[in-house]
Amino acid sequence: MVKIAWGRWAFWSSVIMGSGYGLMVGLTPSDEDLYNKLSPDLKRRVDKNRQEREKAEMALKGNSQRAV
């Protein structure tokens, strides 16, 4: 029967997972960073889509409040 070093296995597993999470958090740009890097044309399109989505959400919220 092979004896497994569970403590060492758990330690190195934690190190690997923690490193991966740290890299992900450190290297993933925020939404604001991505928006700031967009060209002016794409920024206008994003702003237009946001406004349309907000209008649709407000319409849905207004309809759901009337139904209650």
Protein backbone atom coordinates (compact mmCIF):
# COMPACT_ATOMS: atom_id res chain seq x y z
CA MET A 1 0.00 0.00 0.00
CA VAL A 2 1.33 3.41 -0.98
CA LYS A 3 1.33 6.05 1.72
CA ILE A 4 0.19 9.43 0.40
CA ALA A 5 1.58 12.61 1.94
CA TRP A 6 -1.79 14.36 2.29
CA GLY A 7 -0.38 17.41 4.03
CA ARG A 8 2.12 18.10 1.26
CA TRP A 9 -0.52 17.39 -1.38
CA ALA A 10 -2.98 19.79 0.27
CA PHE A 11 -0.31 22.48 0.66
CA TRP A 12 0.82 22.41 -2.97
CA SER A 13 -2.75 22.21 -4.24
CA SER A 14 -3.55 25.34 -2.24
CA VAL A 15 -0.44 27.09 -3.56
CA ILE A 16 -1.34 26.27 -7.17
CA MET A 17 -4.98 27.34 -6.81
CA GLY A 18 -4.05 30.50 -4.89
CA SER A 19 -1.48 31.43 -7.53
CA GLY A 20 -4.01 30.96 -10.30
CA TYR A 21 -6.56 33.09 -8.51
CA GLY A 22 -3.97 35.78 -7.79
CA LEU A 23 -2.91 35.88 -11.43
CA MET A 24 -6.52 36.10 -12.58
CA VAL A 25 -7.31 38.98 -10.21
CA GLY A 26 -4.10 40.82 -11.03
CA LEU A 27 -4.22 40.47 -14.80
CA THR A 28 -7.93 40.81 -15.58
CA PRO A 29 -8.77 44.43 -16.45
CA SER A 30 -11.78 46.07 -14.84
CA ASP A 31 -14.82 47.13 -16.85
CA GLU A 32 -13.68 50.74 -16.58
CA ASP A 33 -10.21 49.88 -17.95
CA LEU A 34 -11.75 48.09 -20.92
CA TYR A 35 -14.14 50.97 -21.59
CA ASN A 36 -11.30 53.53 -21.46
CA LYS A 37 -9.32 51.56 -24.06
CA LEU A 38 -12.19 51.50 -26.58
CA SER A 39 -12.17 53.70 -29.65
CA PRO A 40 -14.60 56.66 -29.59
CA ASP A 41 -16.90 54.92 -32.08
CA LEU A 42 -17.16 51.81 -29.92
CA LYS A 43 -17.71 53.94 -26.81
CA ARG A 44 -20.72 55.57 -28.50
CA ARG A 45 -22.12 52.14 -29.40
CA VAL A 46 -21.62 50.88 -25.84
CA ASP A 47 -23.29 53.98 -24.40
CA LYS A 48 -26.22 53.59 -26.80
CA ASN A 49 -26.66 49.93 -25.86
CA ARG A 50 -26.54 50.80 -22.15
CA GLN A 51 -29.23 53.46 -22.57
CA GLU A 52 -31.47 51.07 -24.51
CA ARG A 53 -31.00 48.35 -21.89
CA GLU A 54 -31.79 50.79 -19.07
CA LYS A 55 -34.96 51.93 -20.85
CA ALA A 56 -36.05 48.31 -21.33
CA GLU A 57 -35.37 47.52 -17.67
CA MET A 58 -37.31 50.57 -16.53
CA ALA A 59 -40.22 49.57 -18.74
CA LEU A 60 -40.19 46.07 -17.25
CA LYS A 61 -40.01 47.42 -13.71
CA GLY A 62 -42.86 49.82 -14.40
CA ASN A 63 -45.03 47.02 -15.79
CA SER A 64 -44.25 44.67 -12.91
CA GLN A 65 -45.14 47.32 -10.31
CA ARG A 66 -48.50 47.93 -11.95
CA ALA A 67 -49.27 44.21 -11.95
CA VAL A 68 -48.76 43.94 -8.18
